[in-house]
Amino acid sequence: MSDEKLKHLWKMMDLRFTSHPWHGISYGEDVPDEVTVFVEVVPTDTVKYEIDKETGYLKVDRPQKYSNYLPALYGFIPQTYCWEGVADLCRLKTGRTDIIGDGDPLDICILTERNISHGNLIVKAIPIGGFRMIDNGEADDKIIAILKNDEVYQHWRDVQLVPETLIARLKHYFLTYKDMPGKLHRRCEITEVYGREEAHSVIRKSIEDYQKKFGDVAGKLNQAFIDAIE
């Protein structure tokens, strides 16, 4: 079957079926300068939503335990995976040898002055930095980005330009959202707040990890489709 016929068939399929947010949506043509993000959680949510990896539907992960809230949109970059490459980078930067990848798509926080009231949507974002976070021995980086064309925040092109109070709020959320108040040993730790260039490195590693883990998903689907109709 010719490539043109395949493209036409997939276009017709898109009219009936929704793409899987992790595997079926592109991370964008201008990655890592600009990325496509699937938003799971917004600041007003009182429960934490996340994608069900098998079905692609948004599911309730857990109620938010405490009164603190995430002061940003939160989701992941499609077709990324935190595995060997992301873990290697974390081990290199921290000097620790016990870190593994968390096996999830790369998380991202998006800052915007606009009030977006619900998740389960796609946005374009500009990565400007991130947190090198370790969750119970697993590399769990949180990329920090600005909503593309945000009227107020679009001039923040590196995390160093973001007010420290906002970075502190983000850090507080991730350092406390899984622990009971007063707990002596935190499950999560942030070893570094890094800038734009390091964020780009983490994004590239997560894309490489995805390709190593899942391969050419589109190519595999094309071949399976051809095999099924021939």
N, C-alpha and C. Protein backbone atom coordinates (compact mmCIF):
# COMPACT_ATOMS: atom_id res chain seq x y z
N MET A 1 0.84 -1.19 0.00
CA MET A 1 0.00 0.00 0.00
C MET A 1 0.88 1.25 0.00
N SER A 2 0.53 2.21 -0.82
CA SER A 2 1.34 3.42 -0.94
C SER A 2 1.22 4.29 0.31
N ASP A 3 2.23 5.17 0.49
CA ASP A 3 2.21 6.07 1.64
C ASP A 3 1.01 7.01 1.59
N GLU A 4 0.64 7.44 0.40
CA GLU A 4 -0.51 8.35 0.27
C GLU A 4 -1.80 7.69 0.71
N LYS A 5 -1.97 6.43 0.34
CA LYS A 5 -3.17 5.70 0.75
C LYS A 5 -3.20 5.49 2.26
N LEU A 6 -2.01 5.21 2.83
CA LEU A 6 -1.94 5.05 4.28
C LEU A 6 -2.31 6.34 4.99
N LYS A 7 -1.77 7.46 4.52
CA LYS A 7 -2.08 8.75 5.13
C LYS A 7 -3.58 9.04 5.07
N HIS A 8 -4.19 8.71 3.94
CA HIS A 8 -5.63 8.93 3.78
C HIS A 8 -6.43 8.07 4.76
N LEU A 9 -6.03 6.80 4.89
CA LEU A 9 -6.74 5.91 5.80
C LEU A 9 -6.62 6.37 7.25
N TRP A 10 -5.41 6.79 7.64
CA TRP A 10 -5.23 7.27 9.01
C TRP A 10 -6.00 8.56 9.26
N LYS A 11 -6.08 9.40 8.25
CA LYS A 11 -6.86 10.63 8.39
C LYS A 11 -8.33 10.31 8.61
N MET A 12 -8.84 9.33 7.89
CA MET A 12 -10.22 8.91 8.07
C MET A 12 -10.43 8.29 9.45
N MET A 13 -9.43 7.53 9.93
CA MET A 13 -9.52 6.94 11.28
C MET A 13 -9.57 8.02 12.34
N ASP A 14 -8.83 9.11 12.11
CA ASP A 14 -8.80 10.20 13.09
C ASP A 14 -10.17 10.86 13.25
N LEU A 15 -11.01 10.76 12.24
CA LEU A 15 -12.34 11.35 12.33
C LEU A 15 -13.24 10.57 13.28
N ARG A 16 -12.87 9.34 13.56
CA ARG A 16 -13.73 8.49 14.40
C ARG A 16 -13.12 8.17 15.75
N PHE A 17 -11.79 8.10 15.82
CA PHE A 17 -11.14 7.67 17.05
C PHE A 17 -10.21 8.76 17.59
N THR A 18 -10.13 8.85 18.90
CA THR A 18 -9.24 9.80 19.57
C THR A 18 -7.87 9.18 19.77
N SER A 19 -6.81 9.94 19.50
CA SER A 19 -5.45 9.44 19.70
C SER A 19 -5.14 9.26 21.18
N HIS A 20 -4.34 8.26 21.49
CA HIS A 20 -3.86 8.07 22.86
C HIS A 20 -2.99 9.26 23.23
N PRO A 21 -3.25 9.96 24.35
CA PRO A 21 -2.50 11.18 24.69
C PRO A 21 -1.00 10.96 24.83
N TRP A 22 -0.58 9.77 25.25
CA TRP A 22 0.85 9.52 25.43
C TRP A 22 1.51 9.10 24.12
N HIS A 23 0.89 8.17 23.42
CA HIS A 23 1.54 7.57 22.25
C HIS A 23 1.08 8.15 20.92
N GLY A 24 -0.10 8.74 20.88
CA GLY A 24 -0.68 9.15 19.61
C GLY A 24 -0.54 10.62 19.28
N ILE A 25 -0.04 11.42 20.23
CA ILE A 25 0.14 12.86 20.02
C ILE A 25 1.64 13.16 19.88
N SER A 26 2.00 14.02 18.97
CA SER A 26 3.40 14.37 18.79
C SER A 26 3.84 15.37 19.85
N TYR A 27 5.13 15.31 20.21
CA TYR A 27 5.69 16.30 21.13
C TYR A 27 5.97 17.64 20.45
N GLY A 28 5.79 17.69 19.12
CA GLY A 28 5.93 18.95 18.41
C GLY A 28 7.17 18.99 17.53
N GLU A 29 7.11 19.81 16.50
CA GLU A 29 8.20 19.90 15.53
C GLU A 29 9.39 20.70 16.04
N ASP A 30 9.17 21.58 17.02
CA ASP A 30 10.24 22.48 17.49
C ASP A 30 10.80 22.07 18.84
N VAL A 31 10.61 20.80 19.22
CA VAL A 31 11.15 20.31 20.48
C VAL A 31 12.68 20.43 20.45
N PRO A 32 13.37 20.81 21.52
CA PRO A 32 12.86 21.11 22.86
C PRO A 32 12.56 22.59 23.12
N ASP A 33 12.74 23.44 22.11
CA ASP A 33 12.45 24.86 22.33
C ASP A 33 10.97 25.10 22.61
N GLU A 34 10.13 24.30 21.98
CA GLU A 34 8.68 24.38 22.19
C GLU A 34 8.15 22.95 22.22
N VAL A 35 7.23 22.67 23.13
CA VAL A 35 6.70 21.31 23.25
C VAL A 35 5.18 21.32 23.30
N THR A 36 4.61 20.24 22.83
CA THR A 36 3.18 19.99 23.02
C THR A 36 3.02 19.32 24.37
N VAL A 37 2.01 19.73 25.12
CA VAL A 37 1.78 19.17 26.45
C VAL A 37 0.33 18.72 26.58
N PHE A 38 0.15 17.54 27.16
CA PHE A 38 -1.20 17.11 27.53
C PHE A 38 -1.41 17.46 29.00
N VAL A 39 -2.37 18.33 29.27
CA VAL A 39 -2.62 18.82 30.64
C VAL A 39 -3.57 17.87 31.36
N GLU A 40 -3.14 17.38 32.52
CA GLU A 40 -3.96 16.49 33.34
C GLU A 40 -4.63 17.22 34.51
N VAL A 41 -3.91 18.17 35.11
CA VAL A 41 -4.36 18.80 36.34
C VAL A 41 -4.23 20.32 36.22
N VAL A 42 -5.20 21.04 36.76
CA VAL A 42 -5.16 22.51 36.84
C VAL A 42 -5.21 22.91 38.31
N PRO A 43 -4.82 24.16 38.64
CA PRO A 43 -4.72 24.56 40.05
C PRO A 43 -6.00 24.39 40.87
N THR A 44 -7.17 24.48 40.25
CA THR A 44 -8.42 24.38 41.01
C THR A 44 -8.85 22.95 41.29
N ASP A 45 -8.15 21.96 40.75
CA ASP A 45 -8.55 20.56 40.97
C ASP A 45 -8.30 20.14 42.42
N THR A 46 -9.27 19.49 43.00
CA THR A 46 -9.13 18.98 44.37
C THR A 46 -8.76 17.50 44.39
N VAL A 47 -8.65 16.90 43.21
CA VAL A 47 -8.13 15.54 43.09
C VAL A 47 -7.02 15.57 42.05
N LYS A 48 -6.12 14.62 42.14
CA LYS A 48 -5.04 14.51 41.15
C LYS A 48 -5.48 13.53 40.07
N TYR A 49 -5.54 14.04 38.84
CA TYR A 49 -5.86 13.20 37.70
C TYR A 49 -4.57 12.78 37.01
N GLU A 50 -4.62 11.62 36.36
CA GLU A 50 -3.52 11.21 35.51
C GLU A 50 -4.04 10.29 34.41
N ILE A 51 -3.27 10.18 33.35
CA ILE A 51 -3.66 9.33 32.24
C ILE A 51 -3.55 7.86 32.62
N ASP A 52 -4.58 7.10 32.30
CA ASP A 52 -4.49 5.65 32.39
C ASP A 52 -3.66 5.17 31.21
N LYS A 53 -2.53 4.55 31.47
CA LYS A 53 -1.58 4.22 30.42
C LYS A 53 -2.15 3.25 29.39
N GLU A 54 -3.03 2.39 29.81
CA GLU A 54 -3.56 1.39 28.88
C GLU A 54 -4.62 1.98 27.96
N THR A 55 -5.58 2.72 28.52
CA THR A 55 -6.72 3.19 27.72
C THR A 55 -6.53 4.60 27.17
N GLY A 56 -5.70 5.41 27.84
CA GLY A 56 -5.55 6.80 27.42
C GLY A 56 -6.58 7.73 28.03
N TYR A 57 -7.53 7.19 28.81
CA TYR A 57 -8.52 8.04 29.46
C TYR A 57 -7.92 8.69 30.71
N LEU A 58 -8.44 9.86 31.05
CA LEU A 58 -8.03 10.53 32.28
C LEU A 58 -8.72 9.85 33.45
N LYS A 59 -7.96 9.53 34.49
CA LYS A 59 -8.52 8.84 35.65
C LYS A 59 -8.16 9.58 36.93
N VAL A 60 -8.88 9.31 37.99
CA VAL A 60 -8.56 9.87 39.30
C VAL A 60 -7.44 9.05 39.92
N ASP A 61 -6.32 9.69 40.18
CA ASP A 61 -5.20 9.03 40.83
C ASP A 61 -5.43 8.99 42.34
N ARG A 62 -5.75 10.16 42.90
CA ARG A 62 -6.02 10.24 44.34
C ARG A 62 -6.56 11.63 44.65
N PRO A 63 -7.34 11.77 45.71
CA PRO A 63 -7.70 13.12 46.17
C PRO A 63 -6.45 13.85 46.64
N GLN A 64 -6.42 15.17 46.43
CA GLN A 64 -5.32 15.96 46.98
C GLN A 64 -5.40 15.86 48.51
N LYS A 65 -4.30 15.47 49.13
CA LYS A 65 -4.32 15.16 50.55
C LYS A 65 -4.45 16.40 51.44
N TYR A 66 -3.84 17.49 51.03
CA TYR A 66 -3.70 18.62 51.94
C TYR A 66 -4.18 19.90 51.28
N SER A 67 -4.03 21.02 52.00
CA SER A 67 -4.59 22.28 51.55
C SER A 67 -3.72 22.98 50.51
N ASN A 68 -2.45 22.54 50.36
CA ASN A 68 -1.61 23.18 49.35
C ASN A 68 -2.09 22.79 47.95
N TYR A 69 -1.82 23.65 46.99
CA TYR A 69 -2.27 23.38 45.63
C TYR A 69 -1.12 23.63 44.67
N LEU A 70 -1.22 23.07 43.48
CA LEU A 70 -0.20 23.24 42.47
C LEU A 70 -0.47 24.52 41.70
N PRO A 71 0.40 25.52 41.80
CA PRO A 71 0.14 26.83 41.16
C PRO A 71 0.53 26.86 39.69
N ALA A 72 0.15 25.83 38.94
CA ALA A 72 0.51 25.75 37.53
C ALA A 72 -0.35 24.67 36.88
N LEU A 73 -0.44 24.71 35.57
CA LEU A 73 -0.99 23.57 34.85
C LEU A 73 0.02 22.43 34.94
N TYR A 74 -0.46 21.21 34.94
CA TYR A 74 0.43 20.07 35.15
C TYR A 74 0.04 18.93 34.23
N GLY A 75 1.03 18.37 33.56
CA GLY A 75 0.75 17.25 32.67
C GLY A 75 2.05 16.61 32.22
N PHE A 76 2.09 16.16 30.97
CA PHE A 76 3.28 15.48 30.47
C PHE A 76 3.50 15.79 29.00
N ILE A 77 4.73 15.54 28.56
CA ILE A 77 5.08 15.69 27.15
C ILE A 77 4.87 14.35 26.46
N PRO A 78 4.02 14.29 25.44
CA PRO A 78 3.76 13.01 24.76
C PRO A 78 5.03 12.42 24.15
N GLN A 79 5.01 11.10 24.02
CA GLN A 79 6.11 10.35 23.41
C GLN A 79 7.45 10.63 24.08
N THR A 80 7.39 10.76 25.41
CA THR A 80 8.60 10.81 26.23
C THR A 80 8.49 9.71 27.28
N TYR A 81 9.63 9.35 27.87
CA TYR A 81 9.66 8.25 28.85
C TYR A 81 10.88 8.45 29.73
N CYS A 82 10.69 8.37 31.03
CA CYS A 82 11.79 8.54 31.97
C CYS A 82 12.35 7.18 32.33
N TRP A 83 13.46 6.85 31.70
CA TRP A 83 14.01 5.51 31.82
C TRP A 83 15.52 5.60 31.99
N GLU A 84 16.29 4.86 31.22
CA GLU A 84 17.73 4.76 31.44
C GLU A 84 18.46 6.08 31.21
N GLY A 85 18.14 6.78 30.13
CA GLY A 85 18.84 8.02 29.83
C GLY A 85 18.59 9.11 30.85
N VAL A 86 17.33 9.27 31.26
CA VAL A 86 16.99 10.27 32.27
C VAL A 86 17.63 9.90 33.60
N ALA A 87 17.61 8.61 33.94
CA ALA A 87 18.24 8.16 35.19
C ALA A 87 19.75 8.37 35.15
N ASP A 88 20.38 8.09 34.01
CA ASP A 88 21.83 8.30 33.87
C ASP A 88 22.18 9.77 34.10
N LEU A 89 21.38 10.66 33.53
CA LEU A 89 21.64 12.09 33.69
C LEU A 89 21.50 12.49 35.16
N CYS A 90 20.50 11.96 35.83
CA CYS A 90 20.30 12.25 37.26
C CYS A 90 21.47 11.72 38.09
N ARG A 91 21.92 10.52 37.79
CA ARG A 91 23.06 9.95 38.52
C ARG A 91 24.31 10.80 38.30
N LEU A 92 24.52 11.25 37.05
CA LEU A 92 25.69 12.07 36.73
C LEU A 92 25.66 13.38 37.50
N LYS A 93 24.50 14.03 37.57
CA LYS A 93 24.40 15.34 38.18
C LYS A 93 24.38 15.29 39.71
N THR A 94 23.92 14.18 40.28
CA THR A 94 23.82 14.09 41.74
C THR A 94 24.96 13.30 42.37
N GLY A 95 25.67 12.51 41.57
CA GLY A 95 26.72 11.66 42.12
C GLY A 95 26.20 10.42 42.79
N ARG A 96 24.90 10.16 42.68
CA ARG A 96 24.30 8.98 43.30
C ARG A 96 24.23 7.84 42.29
N THR A 97 24.41 6.63 42.77
CA THR A 97 24.43 5.47 41.88
C THR A 97 23.17 4.62 41.98
N ASP A 98 22.24 5.01 42.85
CA ASP A 98 21.08 4.16 43.12
C ASP A 98 19.81 4.63 42.43
N ILE A 99 19.93 5.56 41.47
CA ILE A 99 18.74 6.16 40.84
C ILE A 99 18.30 5.33 39.63
N ILE A 100 16.99 5.13 39.50
CA ILE A 100 16.42 4.51 38.31
C ILE A 100 15.35 5.45 37.75
N GLY A 101 14.94 5.23 36.50
CA GLY A 101 13.87 6.02 35.92
C GLY A 101 12.52 5.60 36.49
N ASP A 102 11.57 6.51 36.51
CA ASP A 102 10.28 6.19 37.13
C ASP A 102 9.30 5.51 36.18
N GLY A 103 9.67 5.38 34.89
CA GLY A 103 8.82 4.64 33.96
C GLY A 103 7.55 5.38 33.55
N ASP A 104 7.57 6.69 33.63
CA ASP A 104 6.42 7.50 33.24
C ASP A 104 6.84 8.50 32.17
N PRO A 105 5.88 9.08 31.44
CA PRO A 105 6.22 10.20 30.56
C PRO A 105 6.76 11.36 31.37
N LEU A 106 7.48 12.27 30.72
CA LEU A 106 8.14 13.38 31.40
C LEU A 106 7.12 14.41 31.86
N ASP A 107 7.11 14.69 33.17
CA ASP A 107 6.17 15.65 33.76
C ASP A 107 6.58 17.08 33.45
N ILE A 108 5.58 17.96 33.38
CA ILE A 108 5.86 19.36 33.08
C ILE A 108 4.83 20.26 33.75
N CYS A 109 5.29 21.35 34.34
CA CYS A 109 4.44 22.39 34.93
C CYS A 109 4.44 23.59 33.98
N ILE A 110 3.27 24.15 33.73
CA ILE A 110 3.16 25.27 32.80
C ILE A 110 2.62 26.49 33.54
N LEU A 111 3.40 27.55 33.54
CA LEU A 111 3.01 28.79 34.19
C LEU A 111 2.24 29.67 33.22
N THR A 112 1.13 30.22 33.68
CA THR A 112 0.33 31.14 32.88
C THR A 112 -0.48 32.02 33.81
N GLU A 113 -0.74 33.25 33.36
CA GLU A 113 -1.58 34.14 34.16
C GLU A 113 -3.06 33.93 33.86
N ARG A 114 -3.36 33.12 32.87
CA ARG A 114 -4.74 32.85 32.52
C ARG A 114 -5.33 31.74 33.38
N ASN A 115 -6.63 31.83 33.61
CA ASN A 115 -7.32 30.82 34.41
C ASN A 115 -7.89 29.75 33.47
N ILE A 116 -7.23 28.61 33.42
CA ILE A 116 -7.72 27.48 32.64
C ILE A 116 -8.41 26.53 33.61
N SER A 117 -9.68 26.27 33.38
CA SER A 117 -10.53 25.67 34.42
C SER A 117 -10.57 24.14 34.42
N HIS A 118 -10.05 23.51 33.40
CA HIS A 118 -10.09 22.04 33.40
C HIS A 118 -8.93 21.49 32.59
N GLY A 119 -8.58 20.24 32.86
CA GLY A 119 -7.52 19.56 32.13
C GLY A 119 -8.08 18.79 30.95
N ASN A 120 -7.38 17.70 30.58
CA ASN A 120 -7.76 16.87 29.45
C ASN A 120 -7.72 17.69 28.16
N LEU A 121 -6.65 18.48 28.01
CA LEU A 121 -6.51 19.31 26.82
C LEU A 121 -5.03 19.42 26.43
N ILE A 122 -4.80 19.93 25.22
CA ILE A 122 -3.45 20.07 24.68
C ILE A 122 -3.08 21.54 24.61
N VAL A 123 -1.86 21.87 25.03
CA VAL A 123 -1.37 23.24 24.92
C VAL A 123 0.07 23.21 24.40
N LYS A 124 0.51 24.35 23.91
CA LYS A 124 1.90 24.54 23.52
C LYS A 124 2.62 25.29 24.63
N ALA A 125 3.84 24.88 24.93
CA ALA A 125 4.57 25.48 26.03
C ALA A 125 6.05 25.65 25.67
N ILE A 126 6.69 26.62 26.36
CA ILE A 126 8.10 26.93 26.17
C ILE A 126 8.88 26.52 27.42
N PRO A 127 9.66 25.44 27.38
CA PRO A 127 10.44 25.02 28.55
C PRO A 127 11.49 26.06 28.94
N ILE A 128 11.57 26.36 30.25
CA ILE A 128 12.54 27.36 30.72
C ILE A 128 13.40 26.83 31.86
N GLY A 129 13.18 25.61 32.33
CA GLY A 129 13.96 25.07 33.43
C GLY A 129 13.30 23.83 33.99
N GLY A 130 13.65 23.51 35.23
CA GLY A 130 13.04 22.34 35.84
C GLY A 130 13.60 22.02 37.21
N PHE A 131 12.98 21.04 37.84
CA PHE A 131 13.45 20.50 39.12
C PHE A 131 14.05 19.12 38.87
N ARG A 132 15.26 18.90 39.37
CA ARG A 132 15.78 17.54 39.39
C ARG A 132 15.25 16.88 40.66
N MET A 133 14.15 16.18 40.51
CA MET A 133 13.46 15.60 41.66
C MET A 133 13.67 14.09 41.69
N ILE A 134 13.83 13.56 42.89
CA ILE A 134 13.96 12.13 43.11
C ILE A 134 12.84 11.69 44.04
N ASP A 135 12.05 10.75 43.57
CA ASP A 135 10.90 10.24 44.31
C ASP A 135 11.16 8.80 44.70
N ASN A 136 11.52 8.58 45.96
CA ASN A 136 11.75 7.23 46.47
C ASN A 136 12.78 6.48 45.61
N GLY A 137 13.86 7.17 45.26
CA GLY A 137 14.93 6.55 44.49
C GLY A 137 14.75 6.56 42.99
N GLU A 138 13.69 7.20 42.51
CA GLU A 138 13.41 7.24 41.08
C GLU A 138 13.56 8.67 40.54
N ALA A 139 14.21 8.81 39.37
CA ALA A 139 14.31 10.11 38.72
C ALA A 139 12.92 10.54 38.27
N ASP A 140 12.49 11.70 38.74
CA ASP A 140 11.11 12.17 38.49
C ASP A 140 11.16 13.68 38.19
N ASP A 141 11.93 14.04 37.17
CA ASP A 141 12.12 15.46 36.83
C ASP A 141 10.79 16.15 36.55
N LYS A 142 10.72 17.42 36.94
CA LYS A 142 9.56 18.26 36.65
C LYS A 142 10.05 19.44 35.81
N ILE A 143 9.74 19.42 34.53
CA ILE A 143 10.09 20.53 33.66
C ILE A 143 9.19 21.71 33.98
N ILE A 144 9.75 22.91 33.97
CA ILE A 144 8.98 24.14 34.17
C ILE A 144 8.92 24.88 32.83
N ALA A 145 7.72 25.30 32.45
CA ALA A 145 7.53 25.94 31.15
C ALA A 145 6.56 27.10 31.28
N ILE A 146 6.51 27.91 30.23
CA ILE A 146 5.58 29.02 30.12
C ILE A 146 4.59 28.71 29.00
N LEU A 147 3.31 28.97 29.23
CA LEU A 147 2.33 28.81 28.18
C LEU A 147 2.71 29.68 26.98
N LYS A 148 2.75 29.09 25.80
CA LYS A 148 3.14 29.84 24.61
C LYS A 148 2.25 31.07 24.41
N ASN A 149 2.89 32.20 24.15
CA ASN A 149 2.21 33.48 23.89
C ASN A 149 1.46 34.03 25.10
N ASP A 150 1.82 33.58 26.31
CA ASP A 150 1.21 34.16 27.49
C ASP A 150 1.54 35.65 27.55
N GLU A 151 0.51 36.46 27.73
CA GLU A 151 0.68 37.92 27.64
C GLU A 151 1.56 38.49 28.75
N VAL A 152 1.57 37.84 29.91
CA VAL A 152 2.32 38.37 31.06
C VAL A 152 3.65 37.67 31.25
N TYR A 153 3.69 36.35 31.08
CA TYR A 153 4.88 35.57 31.43
C TYR A 153 5.78 35.23 30.25
N GLN A 154 5.42 35.61 29.04
CA GLN A 154 6.17 35.13 27.88
C GLN A 154 7.62 35.62 27.84
N HIS A 155 7.96 36.66 28.59
CA HIS A 155 9.34 37.16 28.60
C HIS A 155 10.24 36.34 29.54
N TRP A 156 9.66 35.43 30.33
CA TRP A 156 10.47 34.57 31.21
C TRP A 156 11.05 33.43 30.37
N ARG A 157 12.25 33.60 29.88
CA ARG A 157 12.86 32.60 29.00
C ARG A 157 13.83 31.68 29.72
N ASP A 158 14.02 31.92 31.01
CA ASP A 158 14.82 31.01 31.83
C ASP A 158 14.27 31.05 33.24
N VAL A 159 14.39 29.95 33.96
CA VAL A 159 13.79 29.86 35.29
C VAL A 159 14.36 30.90 36.25
N GLN A 160 15.57 31.38 35.98
CA GLN A 160 16.17 32.40 36.84
C GLN A 160 15.38 33.71 36.83
N LEU A 161 14.58 33.93 35.78
CA LEU A 161 13.78 35.14 35.69
C LEU A 161 12.45 35.03 36.42
N VAL A 162 12.07 33.84 36.83
CA VAL A 162 10.80 33.63 37.53
C VAL A 162 10.96 34.07 38.99
N PRO A 163 9.99 34.80 39.54
CA PRO A 163 10.09 35.21 40.95
C PRO A 163 10.32 34.02 41.87
N GLU A 164 11.21 34.19 42.83
CA GLU A 164 11.57 33.10 43.73
C GLU A 164 10.36 32.59 44.52
N THR A 165 9.41 33.48 44.82
CA THR A 165 8.24 33.04 45.58
C THR A 165 7.43 32.00 44.81
N LEU A 166 7.35 32.15 43.49
CA LEU A 166 6.62 31.19 42.67
C LEU A 166 7.36 29.86 42.60
N ILE A 167 8.67 29.90 42.45
CA ILE A 167 9.47 28.68 42.45
C ILE A 167 9.34 27.98 43.81
N ALA A 168 9.32 28.76 44.88
CA ALA A 168 9.17 28.18 46.23
C ALA A 168 7.83 27.48 46.39
N ARG A 169 6.78 28.03 45.81
CA ARG A 169 5.46 27.39 45.88
C ARG A 169 5.46 26.05 45.14
N LEU A 170 6.07 26.06 43.97
CA LEU A 170 6.17 24.80 43.21
C LEU A 170 6.96 23.76 43.99
N LYS A 171 8.11 24.18 44.55
CA LYS A 171 8.93 23.25 45.32
C LYS A 171 8.17 22.72 46.53
N HIS A 172 7.47 23.59 47.22
CA HIS A 172 6.72 23.17 48.40
C HIS A 172 5.68 22.12 48.05
N TYR A 173 5.00 22.32 46.93
CA TYR A 173 3.97 21.35 46.54
C TYR A 173 4.59 19.97 46.31
N PHE A 174 5.65 19.90 45.52
CA PHE A 174 6.21 18.60 45.18
C PHE A 174 6.95 17.95 46.35
N LEU A 175 7.42 18.75 47.28
CA LEU A 175 8.11 18.17 48.44
C LEU A 175 7.15 17.69 49.51
N THR A 176 5.88 18.07 49.42
CA THR A 176 4.94 17.72 50.48
C THR A 176 3.71 16.94 50.02
N TYR A 177 3.48 16.84 48.71
CA TYR A 177 2.18 16.32 48.26
C TYR A 177 2.00 14.82 48.47
N LYS A 178 3.08 14.11 48.85
CA LYS A 178 2.95 12.68 49.11
C LYS A 178 3.24 12.30 50.55
N ASP A 179 3.57 13.28 51.39
CA ASP A 179 3.96 13.00 52.78
C ASP A 179 2.95 13.54 53.77
N MET A 180 2.79 12.84 54.87
CA MET A 180 1.96 13.32 55.97
C MET A 180 2.65 14.49 56.66
N PRO A 181 1.90 15.49 57.13
CA PRO A 181 2.51 16.59 57.88
C PRO A 181 3.30 16.08 59.08
N GLY A 182 4.48 16.64 59.28
CA GLY A 182 5.31 16.25 60.41
C GLY A 182 6.19 15.05 60.18
N LYS A 183 6.09 14.43 59.00
CA LYS A 183 6.90 13.26 58.71
C LYS A 183 8.37 13.67 58.64
N LEU A 184 9.24 12.92 59.30
CA LEU A 184 10.64 13.31 59.40
C LEU A 184 11.40 13.09 58.11
N HIS A 185 11.10 12.02 57.40
CA HIS A 185 11.83 11.68 56.19
C HIS A 185 10.91 11.84 54.98
N ARG A 186 11.22 12.79 54.13
CA ARG A 186 10.42 13.03 52.96
C ARG A 186 10.66 11.98 51.88
N ARG A 187 9.58 11.61 51.21
CA ARG A 187 9.69 10.67 50.10
C ARG A 187 10.36 11.34 48.89
N CYS A 188 10.05 12.61 48.67
CA CYS A 188 10.56 13.33 47.50
C CYS A 188 11.64 14.34 47.92
N GLU A 189 12.61 14.49 47.07
CA GLU A 189 13.64 15.51 47.28
C GLU A 189 13.95 16.20 45.96
N ILE A 190 14.25 17.47 46.03
CA ILE A 190 14.67 18.24 44.86
C ILE A 190 16.13 18.60 45.06
N THR A 191 16.98 18.03 44.23
CA THR A 191 18.42 18.23 44.40
C THR A 191 18.94 19.45 43.66
N GLU A 192 18.15 19.94 42.69
CA GLU A 192 18.64 21.06 41.88
C GLU A 192 17.46 21.73 41.17
N VAL A 193 17.53 23.05 41.07
CA VAL A 193 16.65 23.80 40.18
C VAL A 193 17.52 24.21 39.00
N TYR A 194 17.24 23.65 37.81
CA TYR A 194 18.11 23.91 36.67
C TYR A 194 17.43 24.80 35.64
N GLY A 195 18.25 25.33 34.73
CA GLY A 195 17.77 26.29 33.75
C GLY A 195 17.34 25.67 32.43
N ARG A 196 17.17 26.54 31.46
CA ARG A 196 16.61 26.16 30.16
C ARG A 196 17.44 25.09 29.45
N GLU A 197 18.76 25.26 29.40
CA GLU A 197 19.59 24.32 28.65
C GLU A 197 19.53 22.92 29.25
N GLU A 198 19.55 22.83 30.57
CA GLU A 198 19.46 21.52 31.21
C GLU A 198 18.08 20.90 31.00
N ALA A 199 17.04 21.73 31.01
CA ALA A 199 15.70 21.23 30.71
C ALA A 199 15.66 20.62 29.32
N HIS A 200 16.31 21.28 28.37
CA HIS A 200 16.38 20.74 27.00
C HIS A 200 17.07 19.37 26.99
N SER A 201 18.12 19.23 27.79
CA SER A 201 18.84 17.95 27.86
C SER A 201 17.94 16.85 28.41
N VAL A 202 17.19 17.16 29.45
CA VAL A 202 16.29 16.17 30.04
C VAL A 202 15.21 15.76 29.04
N ILE A 203 14.67 16.74 28.33
CA ILE A 203 13.64 16.44 27.33
C ILE A 203 14.20 15.53 26.24
N ARG A 204 15.38 15.83 25.75
CA ARG A 204 16.00 15.01 24.71
C ARG A 204 16.22 13.58 25.21
N LYS A 205 16.71 13.45 26.44
CA LYS A 205 16.93 12.11 27.01
C LYS A 205 15.62 11.34 27.12
N SER A 206 14.55 12.02 27.50
CA SER A 206 13.27 11.34 27.66
C SER A 206 12.70 10.89 26.31
N ILE A 207 12.98 11.65 25.25
CA ILE A 207 12.57 11.24 23.91
C ILE A 207 13.38 10.03 23.46
N GLU A 208 14.68 10.04 23.73
CA GLU A 208 15.51 8.89 23.39
C GLU A 208 15.06 7.66 24.16
N ASP A 209 14.72 7.83 25.43
CA ASP A 209 14.24 6.71 26.24
C ASP A 209 12.95 6.14 25.67
N TYR A 210 12.06 7.02 25.22
CA TYR A 210 10.80 6.56 24.63
C TYR A 210 11.06 5.73 23.38
N GLN A 211 11.96 6.22 22.54
CA GLN A 211 12.25 5.51 21.30
C GLN A 211 12.91 4.16 21.57
N LYS A 212 13.75 4.10 22.59
CA LYS A 212 14.38 2.82 22.95
C LYS A 212 13.35 1.84 23.51
N LYS A 213 12.42 2.35 24.29
CA LYS A 213 11.43 1.49 24.94
C LYS A 213 10.33 1.05 23.98
N PHE A 214 9.81 1.98 23.19
CA PHE A 214 8.63 1.68 22.38
C PHE A 214 8.91 1.62 20.88
N GLY A 215 10.06 2.13 20.43
CA GLY A 215 10.37 2.11 19.02
C GLY A 215 9.50 3.06 18.22
N ASP A 216 9.39 2.77 16.94
CA ASP A 216 8.59 3.58 16.02
C ASP A 216 7.14 3.13 16.11
N VAL A 217 6.39 3.74 17.01
CA VAL A 217 5.00 3.33 17.23
C VAL A 217 4.16 3.53 15.97
N ALA A 218 4.33 4.66 15.30
CA ALA A 218 3.56 4.92 14.09
C ALA A 218 3.88 3.89 13.01
N GLY A 219 5.15 3.56 12.86
CA GLY A 219 5.54 2.55 11.87
C GLY A 219 4.96 1.18 12.19
N LYS A 220 4.97 0.82 13.46
CA LYS A 220 4.40 -0.46 13.87
C LYS A 220 2.90 -0.51 13.61
N LEU A 221 2.22 0.61 13.86
CA LEU A 221 0.78 0.67 13.59
C LEU A 221 0.50 0.56 12.10
N ASN A 222 1.32 1.23 11.29
CA ASN A 222 1.14 1.14 9.84
C ASN A 222 1.28 -0.30 9.36
N GLN A 223 2.32 -0.99 9.86
CA GLN A 223 2.53 -2.36 9.43
C GLN A 223 1.41 -3.28 9.89
N ALA A 224 0.96 -3.07 11.14
CA ALA A 224 -0.14 -3.89 11.65
C ALA A 224 -1.41 -3.65 10.85
N PHE A 225 -1.63 -2.41 10.45
CA PHE A 225 -2.80 -2.05 9.66
C PHE A 225 -2.73 -2.73 8.29
N ILE A 226 -1.55 -2.68 7.66
CA ILE A 226 -1.37 -3.32 6.36
C ILE A 226 -1.60 -4.83 6.46
N ASP A 227 -1.01 -5.43 7.51
CA ASP A 227 -1.16 -6.88 7.69
C ASP A 227 -2.62 -7.27 7.87
N ALA A 228 -3.38 -6.38 8.53
CA ALA A 228 -4.78 -6.71 8.84
C ALA A 228 -5.68 -6.66 7.61
N ILE A 229 -5.37 -5.76 6.66
CA ILE A 229 -6.27 -5.59 5.52
C ILE A 229 -5.85 -6.38 4.29
N GLU A 230 -4.61 -6.92 4.33
CA GLU A 230 -4.15 -7.68 3.16
C GLU A 230 -4.51 -9.16 3.29
